[in-house]
Amino acid sequence: MAAPRGVLFICCSMLEAKTIRREAQAERRTVSGYVLAIVFRILPLEERIFMVDYRRRRPRPIVFAGAARSGTTISTFILTRLRRAWRARGVSVENRA
């Protein structure tokens, strides 16, 4: 039996949504797989910076804790990480077909 899944809504512009879909397709991932891959790639670095060890104690899921630590909503937390990844890769958020 599969584990229950939560739903994550990201409040973003239509151009950002198109970029997410385009980049997910380019990496041959689902949209959620693409988003989670980027977010989970940066979280270990943030854990080291803030000296947090979530392996020992997980009071909340790691993404929720990351958003709380940065003082933002989960949607803003994820969009910020996506935008940073796009800038690092030189991905432009533009209206493409």
PDB file of N, CA and C in Angstrom:
ATOM      1  N   MET A   1       0.846  -1.183   0.000  1.00  0.00           N
ATOM      2  CA  MET A   1       0.000   0.000   0.000  1.00  0.00           C
ATOM      3  C   MET A   1       0.884   1.236   0.000  1.00  0.00           C
ATOM      4  N   ALA A   2       0.558   2.181  -0.842  1.00  0.00           N
ATOM      5  CA  ALA A   2       1.352   3.404  -0.965  1.00  0.00           C
ATOM      6  C   ALA A   2       1.121   4.314   0.234  1.00  0.00           C
ATOM      7  N   ALA A   3       2.164   5.058   0.569  1.00  0.00           N
ATOM      8  CA  ALA A   3       2.067   6.011   1.669  1.00  0.00           C
ATOM      9  C   ALA A   3       1.144   7.157   1.270  1.00  0.00           C
ATOM     10  N   PRO A   4       0.385   7.699   2.215  1.00  0.00           N
ATOM     11  CA  PRO A   4      -0.483   8.835   1.879  1.00  0.00           C
ATOM     12  C   PRO A   4       0.363  10.040   1.489  1.00  0.00           C
ATOM     13  N   ARG A   5      -0.133  10.791   0.538  1.00  0.00           N
ATOM     14  CA  ARG A   5       0.590  11.966   0.065  1.00  0.00           C
ATOM     15  C   ARG A   5      -0.166  13.226   0.429  1.00  0.00           C
ATOM     16  N   GLY A   6       0.580  14.261   0.674  1.00  0.00           N
ATOM     17  CA  GLY A   6      -0.021  15.560   0.894  1.00  0.00           C
ATOM     18  C   GLY A   6      -0.078  16.315  -0.421  1.00  0.00           C
ATOM     19  N   VAL A   7      -0.784  17.392  -0.423  1.00  0.00           N
ATOM     20  CA  VAL A   7      -0.891  18.223  -1.615  1.00  0.00           C
ATOM     21  C   VAL A   7      -0.177  19.534  -1.334  1.00  0.00           C
ATOM     22  N   LEU A   8       0.588  19.975  -2.304  1.00  0.00           N
ATOM     23  CA  LEU A   8       1.327  21.211  -2.158  1.00  0.00           C
ATOM     24  C   LEU A   8       0.897  22.175  -3.250  1.00  0.00           C
ATOM     25  N   PHE A   9       0.356  23.296  -2.862  1.00  0.00           N
ATOM     26  CA  PHE A   9      -0.011  24.325  -3.816  1.00  0.00           C
ATOM     27  C   PHE A   9       1.041  25.419  -3.761  1.00  0.00           C
ATOM     28  N   ILE A  10       1.557  25.776  -4.913  1.00  0.00           N
ATOM     29  CA  ILE A  10       2.551  26.839  -4.987  1.00  0.00           C
ATOM     30  C   ILE A  10       1.908  28.010  -5.699  1.00  0.00           C
ATOM     31  N   CYS A  11       1.856  29.126  -5.033  1.00  0.00           N
ATOM     32  CA  CYS A  11       1.282  30.332  -5.621  1.00  0.00           C
ATOM     33  C   CYS A  11       2.378  31.032  -6.429  1.00  0.00           C
ATOM     34  N   CYS A  12       2.269  30.946  -7.768  1.00  0.00           N
ATOM     35  CA  CYS A  12       3.285  31.535  -8.626  1.00  0.00           C
ATOM     36  C   CYS A  12       2.620  32.135  -9.860  1.00  0.00           C
ATOM     37  N   SER A  13       3.406  32.869 -10.621  1.00  0.00           N
ATOM     38  CA  SER A  13       2.875  33.473 -11.841  1.00  0.00           C
ATOM     39  C   SER A  13       2.709  32.399 -12.910  1.00  0.00           C
ATOM     40  N   MET A  14       1.967  32.720 -13.950  1.00  0.00           N
ATOM     41  CA  MET A  14       1.786  31.772 -15.048  1.00  0.00           C
ATOM     42  C   MET A  14       3.112  31.504 -15.743  1.00  0.00           C
ATOM     43  N   LEU A  15       3.972  32.520 -15.833  1.00  0.00           N
ATOM     44  CA  LEU A  15       5.280  32.319 -16.455  1.00  0.00           C
ATOM     45  C   LEU A  15       6.151  31.378 -15.633  1.00  0.00           C
ATOM     46  N   GLU A  16       6.079  31.527 -14.308  1.00  0.00           N
ATOM     47  CA  GLU A  16       6.844  30.627 -13.438  1.00  0.00           C
ATOM     48  C   GLU A  16       6.305  29.196 -13.539  1.00  0.00           C
ATOM     49  N   ALA A  17       4.987  29.060 -13.622  1.00  0.00           N
ATOM     50  CA  ALA A  17       4.389  27.734 -13.763  1.00  0.00           C
ATOM     51  C   ALA A  17       4.834  27.081 -15.076  1.00  0.00           C
ATOM     52  N   LYS A  18       4.874  27.871 -16.152  1.00  0.00           N
ATOM     53  CA  LYS A  18       5.343  27.337 -17.436  1.00  0.00           C
ATOM     54  C   LYS A  18       6.807  26.924 -17.347  1.00  0.00           C
ATOM     55  N   THR A  19       7.595  27.717 -16.648  1.00  0.00           N
ATOM     56  CA  THR A  19       9.013  27.400 -16.485  1.00  0.00           C
ATOM     57  C   THR A  19       9.184  26.118 -15.683  1.00  0.00           C
ATOM     58  N   ILE A  20       8.412  25.960 -14.624  1.00  0.00           N
ATOM     59  CA  ILE A  20       8.483  24.739 -13.820  1.00  0.00           C
ATOM     60  C   ILE A  20       8.146  23.531 -14.686  1.00  0.00           C
ATOM     61  N   ARG A  21       7.073  23.623 -15.446  1.00  0.00           N
ATOM     62  CA  ARG A  21       6.680  22.490 -16.305  1.00  0.00           C
ATOM     63  C   ARG A  21       7.739  22.205 -17.369  1.00  0.00           C
ATOM     64  N   ARG A  22       8.264  23.274 -17.978  1.00  0.00           N
ATOM     65  CA  ARG A  22       9.275  23.111 -19.033  1.00  0.00           C
ATOM     66  C   ARG A  22      10.534  22.457 -18.489  1.00  0.00           C
ATOM     67  N   GLU A  23      11.018  22.935 -17.339  1.00  0.00           N
ATOM     68  CA  GLU A  23      12.236  22.383 -16.747  1.00  0.00           C
ATOM     69  C   GLU A  23      12.022  20.958 -16.244  1.00  0.00           C
ATOM     70  N   ALA A  24      10.842  20.666 -15.712  1.00  0.00           N
ATOM     71  CA  ALA A  24      10.537  19.303 -15.277  1.00  0.00           C
ATOM     72  C   ALA A  24      10.555  18.364 -16.480  1.00  0.00           C
ATOM     73  N   GLN A  25       9.972  18.801 -17.570  1.00  0.00           N
ATOM     74  CA  GLN A  25       9.958  17.972 -18.787  1.00  0.00           C
ATOM     75  C   GLN A  25      11.376  17.778 -19.321  1.00  0.00           C
ATOM     76  N   ALA A  26      12.187  18.832 -19.275  1.00  0.00           N
ATOM     77  CA  ALA A  26      13.564  18.730 -19.764  1.00  0.00           C
ATOM     78  C   ALA A  26      14.372  17.728 -18.938  1.00  0.00           C
ATOM     79  N   GLU A  27      14.067  17.629 -17.656  1.00  0.00           N
ATOM     80  CA  GLU A  27      14.759  16.677 -16.780  1.00  0.00           C
ATOM     81  C   GLU A  27      14.049  15.331 -16.710  1.00  0.00           C
ATOM     82  N   ARG A  28      12.986  15.196 -17.476  1.00  0.00           N
ATOM     83  CA  ARG A  28      12.186  13.958 -17.502  1.00  0.00           C
ATOM     84  C   ARG A  28      11.701  13.582 -16.109  1.00  0.00           C
ATOM     85  N   ARG A  29      11.147  14.576 -15.442  1.00  0.00           N
ATOM     86  CA  ARG A  29      10.590  14.381 -14.101  1.00  0.00           C
ATOM     87  C   ARG A  29       9.138  14.850 -14.096  1.00  0.00           C
ATOM     88  N   THR A  30       8.416  14.420 -13.080  1.00  0.00           N
ATOM     89  CA  THR A  30       7.104  14.999 -12.848  1.00  0.00           C
ATOM     90  C   THR A  30       7.330  16.389 -12.271  1.00  0.00           C
ATOM     91  N   VAL A  31       6.296  17.216 -12.266  1.00  0.00           N
ATOM     92  CA  VAL A  31       6.429  18.562 -11.690  1.00  0.00           C
ATOM     93  C   VAL A  31       6.814  18.457 -10.221  1.00  0.00           C
ATOM     94  N   SER A  32       6.115  17.606  -9.474  1.00  0.00           N
ATOM     95  CA  SER A  32       6.444  17.495  -8.056  1.00  0.00           C
ATOM     96  C   SER A  32       7.830  16.904  -7.843  1.00  0.00           C
ATOM     97  N   GLY A  33       8.229  15.954  -8.681  1.00  0.00           N
ATOM     98  CA  GLY A  33       9.572  15.392  -8.578  1.00  0.00           C
ATOM     99  C   GLY A  33      10.642  16.425  -8.837  1.00  0.00           C
ATOM    100  N   TYR A  34      10.410  17.292  -9.818  1.00  0.00           N
ATOM    101  CA  TYR A  34      11.354  18.365 -10.140  1.00  0.00           C
ATOM    102  C   TYR A  34      11.473  19.351  -8.982  1.00  0.00           C
ATOM    103  N   VAL A  35      10.328  19.796  -8.473  1.00  0.00           N
ATOM    104  CA  VAL A  35      10.334  20.776  -7.375  1.00  0.00           C
ATOM    105  C   VAL A  35      11.004  20.193  -6.141  1.00  0.00           C
ATOM    106  N   LEU A  36      10.631  18.970  -5.779  1.00  0.00           N
ATOM    107  CA  LEU A  36      11.222  18.362  -4.585  1.00  0.00           C
ATOM    108  C   LEU A  36      12.710  18.098  -4.741  1.00  0.00           C
ATOM    109  N   ALA A  37      13.150  17.737  -5.936  1.00  0.00           N
ATOM    110  CA  ALA A  37      14.580  17.508  -6.161  1.00  0.00           C
ATOM    111  C   ALA A  37      15.376  18.777  -5.895  1.00  0.00           C
ATOM    112  N   ILE A  38      14.875  19.918  -6.342  1.00  0.00           N
ATOM    113  CA  ILE A  38      15.576  21.187  -6.108  1.00  0.00           C
ATOM    114  C   ILE A  38      15.545  21.552  -4.627  1.00  0.00           C
ATOM    115  N   VAL A  39      14.380  21.448  -4.008  1.00  0.00           N
ATOM    116  CA  VAL A  39      14.264  21.828  -2.598  1.00  0.00           C
ATOM    117  C   VAL A  39      15.115  20.910  -1.716  1.00  0.00           C
ATOM    118  N   PHE A  40      15.058  19.598  -1.957  1.00  0.00           N
ATOM    119  CA  PHE A  40      15.825  18.674  -1.123  1.00  0.00           C
ATOM    120  C   PHE A  40      17.323  18.740  -1.393  1.00  0.00           C
ATOM    121  N   ARG A  41      17.717  19.291  -2.532  1.00  0.00           N
ATOM    122  CA  ARG A  41      19.140  19.467  -2.829  1.00  0.00           C
ATOM    123  C   ARG A  41      19.730  20.580  -1.961  1.00  0.00           C
ATOM    124  N   ILE A  42      18.949  21.616  -1.681  1.00  0.00           N
ATOM    125  CA  ILE A  42      19.469  22.767  -0.935  1.00  0.00           C
ATOM    126  C   ILE A  42      19.295  22.610   0.580  1.00  0.00           C
ATOM    127  N   LEU A  43      18.344  21.813   1.033  1.00  0.00           N
ATOM    128  CA  LEU A  43      18.089  21.709   2.463  1.00  0.00           C
ATOM    129  C   LEU A  43      19.280  21.221   3.284  1.00  0.00           C
ATOM    130  N   PRO A  44      20.044  20.217   2.834  1.00  0.00           N
ATOM    131  CA  PRO A  44      21.218  19.813   3.635  1.00  0.00           C
ATOM    132  C   PRO A  44      22.221  20.951   3.835  1.00  0.00           C
ATOM    133  N   LEU A  45      22.390  21.785   2.828  1.00  0.00           N
ATOM    134  CA  LEU A  45      23.282  22.938   2.961  1.00  0.00           C
ATOM    135  C   LEU A  45      22.747  23.908   4.003  1.00  0.00           C
ATOM    136  N   GLU A  46      21.453  24.176   3.953  1.00  0.00           N
ATOM    137  CA  GLU A  46      20.857  25.071   4.950  1.00  0.00           C
ATOM    138  C   GLU A  46      20.957  24.484   6.347  1.00  0.00           C
ATOM    139  N   GLU A  47      20.817  23.166   6.459  1.00  0.00           N
ATOM    140  CA  GLU A  47      20.964  22.529   7.767  1.00  0.00           C
ATOM    141  C   GLU A  47      22.352  22.767   8.340  1.00  0.00           C
ATOM    142  N   ARG A  48      23.373  22.662   7.482  1.00  0.00           N
ATOM    143  CA  ARG A  48      24.748  22.899   7.956  1.00  0.00           C
ATOM    144  C   ARG A  48      24.945  24.365   8.335  1.00  0.00           C
ATOM    145  N   ILE A  49      24.385  25.269   7.535  1.00  0.00           N
ATOM    146  CA  ILE A  49      24.539  26.694   7.825  1.00  0.00           C
ATOM    147  C   ILE A  49      23.893  27.042   9.165  1.00  0.00           C
ATOM    148  N   PHE A  50      22.689  26.531   9.384  1.00  0.00           N
ATOM    149  CA  PHE A  50      21.960  26.847  10.610  1.00  0.00           C
ATOM    150  C   PHE A  50      22.202  25.828  11.717  1.00  0.00           C
ATOM    151  N   MET A  51      23.130  24.884  11.477  1.00  0.00           N
ATOM    152  CA  MET A  51      23.491  23.851  12.445  1.00  0.00           C
ATOM    153  C   MET A  51      22.260  23.129  12.991  1.00  0.00           C
ATOM    154  N   VAL A  52      21.416  22.676  12.083  1.00  0.00           N
ATOM    155  CA  VAL A  52      20.211  21.941  12.444  1.00  0.00           C
ATOM    156  C   VAL A  52      20.410  20.500  11.997  1.00  0.00           C
ATOM    157  N   ASP A  53      20.066  19.563  12.847  1.00  0.00           N
ATOM    158  CA  ASP A  53      20.160  18.155  12.467  1.00  0.00           C
ATOM    159  C   ASP A  53      18.767  17.551  12.544  1.00  0.00           C
ATOM    160  N   TYR A  54      18.114  17.463  11.388  1.00  0.00           N
ATOM    161  CA  TYR A  54      16.761  16.930  11.341  1.00  0.00           C
ATOM    162  C   TYR A  54      16.727  15.413  11.412  1.00  0.00           C
ATOM    163  N   ARG A  55      17.874  14.773  11.277  1.00  0.00           N
ATOM    164  CA  ARG A  55      17.880  13.313  11.356  1.00  0.00           C
ATOM    165  C   ARG A  55      17.629  12.860  12.796  1.00  0.00           C
ATOM    166  N   ARG A  56      18.065  13.633  13.739  1.00  0.00           N
ATOM    167  CA  ARG A  56      17.868  13.262  15.138  1.00  0.00           C
ATOM    168  C   ARG A  56      16.462  13.595  15.616  1.00  0.00           C
ATOM    169  N   ARG A  57      15.946  14.720  15.166  1.00  0.00           N
ATOM    170  CA  ARG A  57      14.667  15.188  15.685  1.00  0.00           C
ATOM    171  C   ARG A  57      13.882  15.830  14.548  1.00  0.00           C
ATOM    172  N   ARG A  58      12.737  15.330  14.237  1.00  0.00           N
ATOM    173  CA  ARG A  58      11.904  15.886  13.168  1.00  0.00           C
ATOM    174  C   ARG A  58      10.551  16.285  13.734  1.00  0.00           C
ATOM    175  N   PRO A  59      10.466  17.460  14.336  1.00  0.00           N
ATOM    176  CA  PRO A  59       9.173  17.865  14.892  1.00  0.00           C
ATOM    177  C   PRO A  59       8.147  18.143  13.798  1.00  0.00           C
ATOM    178  N   ARG A  60       8.617  18.573  12.630  1.00  0.00           N
ATOM    179  CA  ARG A  60       7.747  18.839  11.492  1.00  0.00           C
ATOM    180  C   ARG A  60       8.459  18.330  10.256  1.00  0.00           C
ATOM    181  N   PRO A  61       7.706  18.070   9.197  1.00  0.00           N
ATOM    182  CA  PRO A  61       8.396  17.696   7.964  1.00  0.00           C
ATOM    183  C   PRO A  61       9.439  18.752   7.595  1.00  0.00           C
ATOM    184  N   ILE A  62      10.502  18.307   6.970  1.00  0.00           N
ATOM    185  CA  ILE A  62      11.678  19.141   6.738  1.00  0.00           C
ATOM    186  C   ILE A  62      11.377  20.412   5.930  1.00  0.00           C
ATOM    187  N   VAL A  63      10.481  20.344   4.955  1.00  0.00           N
ATOM    188  CA  VAL A  63      10.158  21.546   4.167  1.00  0.00           C
ATOM    189  C   VAL A  63       9.419  22.555   5.031  1.00  0.00           C
ATOM    190  N   PHE A  64       8.504  22.059   5.872  1.00  0.00           N
ATOM    191  CA  PHE A  64       7.792  22.964   6.771  1.00  0.00           C
ATOM    192  C   PHE A  64       8.769  23.650   7.712  1.00  0.00           C
ATOM    193  N   ALA A  65       9.720  22.870   8.233  1.00  0.00           N
ATOM    194  CA  ALA A  65      10.709  23.431   9.155  1.00  0.00           C
ATOM    195  C   ALA A  65      11.585  24.456   8.451  1.00  0.00           C
ATOM    196  N   GLY A  66      11.961  24.185   7.200  1.00  0.00           N
ATOM    197  CA  GLY A  66      12.761  25.146   6.442  1.00  0.00           C
ATOM    198  C   GLY A  66      12.020  26.443   6.219  1.00  0.00           C
ATOM    199  N   ALA A  67      10.737  26.352   5.902  1.00  0.00           N
ATOM    200  CA  ALA A  67       9.926  27.553   5.699  1.00  0.00           C
ATOM    201  C   ALA A  67       9.779  28.323   7.007  1.00  0.00           C
ATOM    202  N   ALA A  68       9.551  27.607   8.089  1.00  0.00           N
ATOM    203  CA  ALA A  68       9.419  28.266   9.390  1.00  0.00           C
ATOM    204  C   ALA A  68      10.715  28.963   9.772  1.00  0.00           C
ATOM    205  N   ARG A  69      11.847  28.291   9.512  1.00  0.00           N
ATOM    206  CA  ARG A  69      13.151  28.866   9.842  1.00  0.00           C
ATOM    207  C   ARG A  69      13.395  30.156   9.067  1.00  0.00           C
ATOM    208  N   SER A  70      12.941  30.186   7.802  1.00  0.00           N
ATOM    209  CA  SER A  70      13.150  31.391   6.996  1.00  0.00           C
ATOM    210  C   SER A  70      12.048  32.418   7.206  1.00  0.00           C
ATOM    211  N   GLY A  71      11.041  32.069   7.992  1.00  0.00           N
ATOM    212  CA  GLY A  71       9.976  33.019   8.309  1.00  0.00           C
ATOM    213  C   GLY A  71       9.051  33.295   7.134  1.00  0.00           C
ATOM    214  N   THR A  72       8.855  32.292   6.270  1.00  0.00           N
ATOM    215  CA  THR A  72       8.005  32.468   5.098  1.00  0.00           C
ATOM    216  C   THR A  72       6.974  31.353   5.023  1.00  0.00           C
ATOM    217  N   THR A  73       6.081  31.492   4.065  1.00  0.00           N
ATOM    218  CA  THR A  73       5.143  30.409   3.803  1.00  0.00           C
ATOM    219  C   THR A  73       5.878  29.308   3.050  1.00  0.00           C
ATOM    220  N   ILE A  74       5.292  28.135   2.994  1.00  0.00           N
ATOM    221  CA  ILE A  74       5.907  27.027   2.267  1.00  0.00           C
ATOM    222  C   ILE A  74       6.013  27.376   0.791  1.00  0.00           C
ATOM    223  N   SER A  75       4.976  27.995   0.248  1.00  0.00           N
ATOM    224  CA  SER A  75       4.974  28.380  -1.162  1.00  0.00           C
ATOM    225  C   SER A  75       6.118  29.339  -1.470  1.00  0.00           C
ATOM    226  N   THR A  76       6.295  30.353  -0.639  1.00  0.00           N
ATOM    227  CA  THR A  76       7.374  31.322  -0.843  1.00  0.00           C
ATOM    228  C   THR A  76       8.736  30.658  -0.680  1.00  0.00           C
ATOM    229  N   PHE A  77       8.859  29.788   0.299  1.00  0.00           N
ATOM    230  CA  PHE A  77      10.105  29.066   0.535  1.00  0.00           C
ATOM    231  C   PHE A  77      10.506  28.266  -0.707  1.00  0.00           C
ATOM    232  N   ILE A  78       9.560  27.533  -1.272  1.00  0.00           N
ATOM    233  CA  ILE A  78       9.846  26.710  -2.446  1.00  0.00           C
ATOM    234  C   ILE A  78      10.142  27.570  -3.664  1.00  0.00           C
ATOM    235  N   LEU A  79       9.346  28.613  -3.894  1.00  0.00           N
ATOM    236  CA  LEU A  79       9.585  29.492  -5.046  1.00  0.00           C
ATOM    237  C   LEU A  79      10.946  30.178  -4.964  1.00  0.00           C
ATOM    238  N   THR A  80      11.355  30.564  -3.784  1.00  0.00           N
ATOM    239  CA  THR A  80      12.660  31.197  -3.617  1.00  0.00           C
ATOM    240  C   THR A  80      13.770  30.231  -4.011  1.00  0.00           C
ATOM    241  N   ARG A  81      13.649  28.963  -3.590  1.00  0.00           N
ATOM    242  CA  ARG A  81      14.663  27.969  -3.948  1.00  0.00           C
ATOM    243  C   ARG A  81      14.653  27.675  -5.440  1.00  0.00           C
ATOM    244  N   LEU A  82      13.470  27.639  -6.056  1.00  0.00           N
ATOM    245  CA  LEU A  82      13.385  27.438  -7.499  1.00  0.00           C
ATOM    246  C   LEU A  82      14.042  28.587  -8.252  1.00  0.00           C
ATOM    247  N   ARG A  83      13.739  29.806  -7.846  1.00  0.00           N
ATOM    248  CA  ARG A  83      14.314  30.978  -8.530  1.00  0.00           C
ATOM    249  C   ARG A  83      15.835  30.995  -8.412  1.00  0.00           C
ATOM    250  N   ARG A  84      16.354  30.636  -7.238  1.00  0.00           N
ATOM    251  CA  ARG A  84      17.811  30.576  -7.074  1.00  0.00           C
ATOM    252  C   ARG A  84      18.431  29.523  -7.988  1.00  0.00           C
ATOM    253  N   ALA A  85      17.777  28.374  -8.070  1.00  0.00           N
ATOM    254  CA  ALA A  85      18.273  27.305  -8.941  1.00  0.00           C
ATOM    255  C   ALA A  85      18.235  27.753 -10.397  1.00  0.00           C
ATOM    256  N   TRP A  86      17.176  28.442 -10.789  1.00  0.00           N
ATOM    257  CA  TRP A  86      17.082  28.930 -12.170  1.00  0.00           C
ATOM    258  C   TRP A  86      18.172  29.936 -12.482  1.00  0.00           C
ATOM    259  N   ARG A  87      18.415  30.858 -11.532  1.00  0.00           N
ATOM    260  CA  ARG A  87      19.491  31.849 -11.753  1.00  0.00           C
ATOM    261  C   ARG A  87      20.840  31.158 -11.885  1.00  0.00           C
ATOM    262  N   ALA A  88      21.099  30.175 -11.039  1.00  0.00           N
ATOM    263  CA  ALA A  88      22.366  29.458 -11.076  1.00  0.00           C
ATOM    264  C   ALA A  88      22.553  28.714 -12.397  1.00  0.00           C
ATOM    265  N   ARG A  89      21.477  28.220 -12.955  1.00  0.00           N
ATOM    266  CA  ARG A  89      21.531  27.470 -14.210  1.00  0.00           C
ATOM    267  C   ARG A  89      21.367  28.355 -15.445  1.00  0.00           C
ATOM    268  N   GLY A  90      21.042  29.622 -15.239  1.00  0.00           N
ATOM    269  CA  GLY A  90      20.829  30.514 -16.371  1.00  0.00           C
ATOM    270  C   GLY A  90      19.491  30.299 -17.059  1.00  0.00           C
ATOM    271  N   VAL A  91      18.520  29.765 -16.329  1.00  0.00           N
ATOM    272  CA  VAL A  91      17.182  29.526 -16.881  1.00  0.00           C
ATOM    273  C   VAL A  91      16.390  30.828 -16.801  1.00  0.00           C
ATOM    274  N   SER A  92      15.824  31.229 -17.921  1.00  0.00           N
ATOM    275  CA  SER A  92      15.028  32.457 -17.905  1.00  0.00           C
ATOM    276  C   SER A  92      13.554  32.108 -17.760  1.00  0.00           C
ATOM    277  N   VAL A  93      12.865  32.946 -16.998  1.00  0.00           N
ATOM    278  CA  VAL A  93      11.433  32.795 -16.828  1.00  0.00           C
ATOM    279  C   VAL A  93      10.789  33.675 -17.885  1.00  0.00           C
ATOM    280  N   GLU A  94      10.452  33.046 -18.984  1.00  0.00           N
ATOM    281  CA  GLU A  94       9.864  33.794 -20.081  1.00  0.00           C
ATOM    282  C   GLU A  94       8.758  32.994 -20.721  1.00  0.00           C
ATOM    283  N   ASN A  95       7.959  33.646 -21.479  1.00  0.00           N
ATOM    284  CA  ASN A  95       6.812  33.016 -22.104  1.00  0.00           C
ATOM    285  C   ASN A  95       7.236  32.248 -23.353  1.00  0.00           C
ATOM    286  N   ARG A  96       7.413  30.950 -23.180  1.00  0.00           N
ATOM    287  CA  ARG A  96       7.760  30.072 -24.307  1.00  0.00           C
ATOM    288  C   ARG A  96       6.631  29.070 -24.497  1.00  0.00           C
ATOM    289  N   ALA A  97       6.511  28.570 -25.692  1.00  0.00           N
ATOM    290  CA  ALA A  97       5.459  27.584 -25.978  1.00  0.00           C
ATOM    291  C   ALA A  97       5.801  26.247 -25.383  1.00  0.00           C
TER     292      ALA A  97
END
